[in-house]
């Protein structure tokens, strides 16, 4: 199995690159980022569904079996995501599209998946991290596409933002803390796997701070817009009852 894993990762990388090339041809009137975002959206949906099946149905449960030997399905899932992260990291570096934090997130993800595959263990918790990271990804891409199409400042945009903030807080921060605790107290995972988990959780908190600032700014804008409309309505009603002199 060890000998076949580099081939699986290579096939995954070629597949994501081929999908990106097809999107670029299909949407040639759009930007390269549009095509890359479609690839990211595709991976987000596939990785979320596959990691959910692995974690919730196929097992083992990451909260009770961290550090357990990798299963065949877990290896397939990690190879699929490793190929994607390699593609996306190369795209971001080439086009200089992301900041240092996102690049660090990608590199830690690549390192964590690679170490798990090489050791043949801890795929349960790595798969859980992928699930927590990717479950919010489709909503994140939806926000970007709504902006590109001029539909972000609408009820749909508000709904997407609401679920994005809620999922990020509940899954990546809430459940993520539970997973990190189980990882740290368990004697089975290697120490560097535990360090990687702490780093990933710390990165999630950095993202969370930015999201909280964004949510506060958007809430204040909504509140001021509401107050402005109420004042205009009040002025209109009052002005309508003024007596002419």
Protein backbone atom coordinates (compact mmCIF):
# COMPACT_ATOMS: atom_id res chain seq x y z
CA UNK A 1 0.00 0.00 0.00
CA UNK A 2 2.87 2.39 0.81
CA UNK A 3 4.25 2.07 -2.73
CA UNK A 4 0.87 2.86 -4.28
CA UNK A 5 0.18 6.00 -2.21
CA UNK A 6 2.49 8.34 -4.19
CA UNK A 7 0.74 7.10 -7.34
CA UNK A 8 -2.68 7.81 -5.83
CA UNK A 9 -1.62 11.31 -4.79
CA UNK A 10 -0.17 11.94 -8.26
CA UNK A 11 -3.40 10.76 -9.90
CA UNK A 12 -5.38 13.01 -7.57
CA UNK A 13 -3.18 16.00 -8.41
CA UNK A 14 -3.50 15.34 -12.16
CA UNK A 15 -7.28 14.97 -11.79
CA UNK A 16 -7.66 18.33 -10.02
CA UNK A 17 -5.36 19.99 -12.54
CA UNK A 18 -7.37 18.47 -15.41
CA UNK A 19 -10.64 19.67 -13.87
CA UNK A 20 -9.17 23.16 -13.52
CA UNK A 21 -8.07 23.11 -17.17
CA UNK A 22 -11.55 22.06 -18.25
CA UNK A 23 -13.15 24.83 -16.19
CA UNK A 24 -10.75 27.36 -17.75
CA UNK A 25 -11.82 26.17 -21.22
CA UNK A 26 -15.51 26.03 -20.29
CA UNK A 27 -15.52 29.50 -18.70
CA UNK A 28 -12.90 31.18 -20.85
CA UNK A 29 -14.72 34.52 -20.49
CA UNK A 30 -14.17 34.33 -16.73
CA UNK A 31 -11.00 34.84 -14.69
CA UNK A 32 -8.60 32.06 -13.71
CA UNK A 33 -9.72 32.50 -10.13
CA UNK A 34 -13.29 31.68 -11.15
CA UNK A 35 -12.12 28.28 -12.43
CA UNK A 36 -9.93 27.68 -9.38
CA UNK A 37 -12.84 28.52 -7.08
CA UNK A 38 -14.98 25.96 -8.92
CA UNK A 39 -12.30 23.34 -8.29
CA UNK A 40 -12.19 24.38 -4.63
CA UNK A 41 -15.98 24.15 -4.41
CA UNK A 42 -15.92 20.67 -5.99
CA UNK A 43 -13.28 19.46 -3.55
CA UNK A 44 -15.15 21.03 -0.63
CA UNK A 45 -18.33 19.11 -1.44
CA UNK A 46 -16.55 15.81 -2.19
CA UNK A 47 -14.22 16.01 0.82
CA UNK A 48 -17.08 16.93 3.18
CA UNK A 49 -19.26 14.04 2.03
CA UNK A 50 -16.42 11.49 1.98
CA UNK A 51 -14.92 12.52 5.33
CA UNK A 52 -18.41 12.55 6.90
CA UNK A 53 -19.04 9.00 5.68
CA UNK A 54 -15.63 7.87 6.92
CA UNK A 55 -16.00 9.51 10.32
CA UNK A 56 -19.67 8.92 11.09
CA UNK A 57 -20.37 5.59 9.34
CA UNK A 58 -17.26 3.66 8.30
CA UNK A 59 -15.20 4.59 11.37
CA UNK A 60 -13.32 4.49 13.59
CA UNK A 61 -14.69 7.41 15.61
CA UNK A 62 -11.90 10.04 15.89
CA UNK A 63 -12.92 11.23 19.37
CA UNK A 64 -12.44 7.78 20.89
CA UNK A 65 -9.82 6.22 18.58
CA UNK A 66 -7.18 8.86 17.81
CA UNK A 67 -3.90 7.38 16.63
CA UNK A 68 -5.57 4.23 15.30
CA UNK A 69 -4.25 2.45 12.17
CA UNK A 70 -5.42 3.87 8.85
CA UNK A 71 -8.18 2.11 6.98
CA UNK A 72 -8.24 1.72 3.21
CA UNK A 73 -11.05 4.23 2.80
CA UNK A 74 -9.27 6.75 5.01
CA UNK A 75 -6.17 6.45 2.84
CA UNK A 76 -8.26 7.05 -0.30
CA UNK A 77 -9.77 10.16 1.26
CA UNK A 78 -6.43 11.57 2.41
CA UNK A 79 -4.82 10.97 -1.00
CA UNK A 80 -7.73 12.75 -2.68
CA UNK A 81 -7.36 15.81 -0.46
CA UNK A 82 -3.55 15.79 -0.54
CA UNK A 83 -3.59 16.04 -4.33
CA UNK A 84 -6.02 18.95 -4.11
CA UNK A 85 -3.99 20.84 -1.49
CA UNK A 86 -0.85 20.45 -3.59
CA UNK A 87 -2.70 21.84 -6.61
CA UNK A 88 -4.22 24.74 -4.69
CA UNK A 89 -0.97 25.65 -2.95
CA UNK A 90 0.85 25.75 -6.30
CA UNK A 91 -1.95 27.87 -7.82
CA UNK A 92 -1.93 30.33 -4.90
CA UNK A 93 1.86 30.69 -5.01
CA UNK A 94 1.92 31.13 -8.80
CA UNK A 95 -0.87 33.73 -8.88
CA UNK A 96 0.00 35.22 -5.46
CA UNK A 97 -3.69 35.03 -4.63
CA UNK A 98 -3.55 34.33 -0.88
CA UNK A 99 -1.80 35.71 2.17
CA UNK A 100 0.70 34.06 4.46
CA UNK A 101 -1.98 32.65 6.80
CA UNK A 102 -3.77 30.68 4.07
CA UNK A 103 -0.48 29.43 2.66
CA UNK A 104 0.56 28.29 6.14
CA UNK A 105 -2.82 26.54 6.53
CA UNK A 106 -2.24 24.68 3.25
CA UNK A 107 1.32 23.68 4.14
CA UNK A 108 0.33 22.40 7.59
CA UNK A 109 -2.52 20.44 5.98
CA UNK A 110 -0.15 18.92 3.41
CA UNK A 111 2.39 18.04 6.09
CA UNK A 112 -0.23 16.53 8.39
CA UNK A 113 -1.76 14.36 5.67
CA UNK A 114 1.66 13.25 4.42
CA UNK A 115 2.84 12.27 7.90
CA UNK A 116 -0.37 10.33 8.57
CA UNK A 117 -0.03 8.43 5.29
CA UNK A 118 3.65 7.72 5.91
CA UNK A 119 3.05 6.46 9.46
CA UNK A 120 -0.05 4.48 8.56
CA UNK A 121 -1.91 5.88 11.57
CA UNK A 122 -3.91 8.88 12.88
CA UNK A 123 -5.99 9.19 9.69
CA UNK A 124 -9.13 9.18 11.86
CA UNK A 125 -8.35 12.56 13.43
CA UNK A 126 -6.76 13.98 10.26
CA UNK A 127 -9.93 13.03 8.37
CA UNK A 128 -11.98 14.76 11.09
CA UNK A 129 -9.89 17.92 10.65
CA UNK A 130 -10.52 17.79 6.90
CA UNK A 131 -14.25 17.46 7.56
CA UNK A 132 -14.23 20.45 9.90
CA UNK A 133 -12.19 22.53 7.47
CA UNK A 134 -14.14 21.68 4.34
CA UNK A 135 -17.71 21.79 5.65
CA UNK A 136 -17.61 25.61 5.55
CA UNK A 137 -15.75 25.75 2.24
CA UNK A 138 -18.79 25.57 -0.09
CA UNK A 139 -20.35 28.51 1.76
CA UNK A 140 -17.10 30.45 1.55
CA UNK A 141 -16.98 29.90 -2.21
CA UNK A 142 -20.68 30.78 -2.51
CA UNK A 143 -19.92 34.18 -0.93
CA UNK A 144 -17.22 34.81 -3.51
CA UNK A 145 -19.43 33.80 -6.47
CA UNK A 146 -22.29 35.94 -5.16
CA UNK A 147 -19.93 38.91 -5.02
CA UNK A 148 -18.71 38.26 -8.55
CA UNK A 149 -22.30 38.16 -9.84
CA UNK A 150 -23.35 41.25 -7.88
CA UNK A 151 -25.77 39.29 -5.69
CA UNK A 152 -23.93 39.34 -2.37
CA UNK A 153 -25.79 42.32 -0.89
CA UNK A 154 -29.09 40.48 -0.81
CA UNK A 155 -31.09 38.14 1.41
CA UNK A 156 -29.25 35.20 -0.14
CA UNK A 157 -25.91 36.72 0.82
CA UNK A 158 -27.13 37.24 4.40
CA UNK A 159 -28.26 33.61 4.63
CA UNK A 160 -24.92 32.34 3.33
CA UNK A 161 -23.01 34.52 5.79
CA UNK A 162 -25.22 33.40 8.68
CA UNK A 163 -24.65 29.69 8.02
CA UNK A 164 -20.96 30.22 7.32
CA UNK A 165 -20.35 31.99 10.64
CA UNK A 166 -22.54 29.49 12.50
CA UNK A 167 -20.85 26.41 11.01
CA UNK A 168 -17.36 27.82 11.46
CA UNK A 169 -18.02 28.66 15.11
CA UNK A 170 -19.81 25.44 15.93
CA UNK A 171 -17.67 22.95 14.02
CA UNK A 172 -14.15 24.37 13.66
CA UNK A 173 -14.07 26.11 17.04
CA UNK A 174 -16.52 24.13 19.17
CA UNK A 175 -16.11 20.56 17.93
CA UNK A 176 -12.49 21.34 17.03
CA UNK A 177 -11.72 22.06 20.70
CA UNK A 178 -13.28 18.74 21.70
CA UNK A 179 -11.23 16.87 19.08
CA UNK A 180 -8.02 18.60 20.16
CA UNK A 181 -8.68 17.71 23.80
CA UNK A 182 -9.24 14.03 22.93
CA UNK A 183 -6.08 14.08 20.83
CA UNK A 184 -3.94 15.59 23.59
CA UNK A 185 -5.14 13.33 26.42
CA UNK A 186 -4.86 10.13 24.39
CA UNK A 187 -1.53 8.27 24.73
CA UNK A 188 -1.70 6.76 21.23
CA UNK A 189 -1.05 9.64 18.77
CA UNK A 190 2.57 10.68 18.21
CA UNK A 191 3.66 13.94 19.83
CA UNK A 192 4.20 15.69 16.47
CA UNK A 193 0.69 14.72 15.39
CA UNK A 194 -0.58 16.41 18.55
CA UNK A 195 1.51 19.51 17.81
CA UNK A 196 0.08 19.62 14.29
CA UNK A 197 -3.44 19.46 15.70
CA UNK A 198 -2.75 22.36 18.05
CA UNK A 199 -1.31 24.42 15.17
CA UNK A 200 -4.37 23.75 13.00
CA UNK A 201 -6.69 24.73 15.84
CA UNK A 202 -4.69 27.91 16.44
CA UNK A 203 -5.01 28.78 12.73
CA UNK A 204 -8.78 28.29 13.03
CA UNK A 205 -8.83 30.80 15.90
CA UNK A 206 -6.92 33.35 13.81
CA UNK A 207 -9.55 32.92 11.10
CA UNK A 208 -12.25 33.18 13.77
CA UNK A 209 -10.97 36.57 14.93
CA UNK A 210 -11.19 37.87 11.35
CA UNK A 211 -14.68 36.42 10.97
CA UNK A 212 -15.84 38.07 14.21
CA UNK A 213 -14.55 41.42 13.00
CA UNK A 214 -16.32 40.92 9.68
CA UNK A 215 -19.57 39.90 11.40
CA UNK A 216 -19.40 42.95 13.66
CA UNK A 217 -18.82 45.33 10.74
CA UNK A 218 -21.65 43.80 8.74
CA UNK A 219 -24.03 43.87 11.72
CA UNK A 220 -23.23 47.52 12.39
CA UNK A 221 -23.81 48.40 8.73
CA UNK A 222 -27.15 46.57 8.79
CA UNK A 223 -28.10 48.33 12.03
CA UNK A 224 -27.18 51.81 10.74
CA UNK A 225 -29.02 51.14 7.47
CA UNK A 226 -32.10 50.06 9.46
CA UNK A 227 -31.91 53.16 11.67
CA UNK A 228 -31.53 55.34 8.60
CA UNK A 229 -34.63 53.82 7.00
CA UNK A 230 -36.62 54.20 10.21
CA UNK A 231 -35.60 57.84 10.51
CA UNK A 232 -36.57 58.49 6.92
CA UNK A 233 -39.96 56.83 7.45
CA UNK A 234 -40.50 58.81 10.64
CA UNK A 235 -39.54 62.06 8.92
CA UNK A 236 -41.82 61.23 5.99
CA UNK A 237 -44.77 60.51 8.29
CA UNK A 238 -44.15 63.61 10.39
CA UNK A 239 -43.67 65.82 7.36
CA UNK A 240 -46.90 64.52 5.91
CA UNK A 241 -48.82 65.83 8.92
CA UNK A 242 -47.23 69.28 8.94
CA UNK A 243 -49.67 72.08 8.44
CA UNK A 244 -48.99 74.36 5.54
CA UNK A 245 -48.56 78.06 6.43
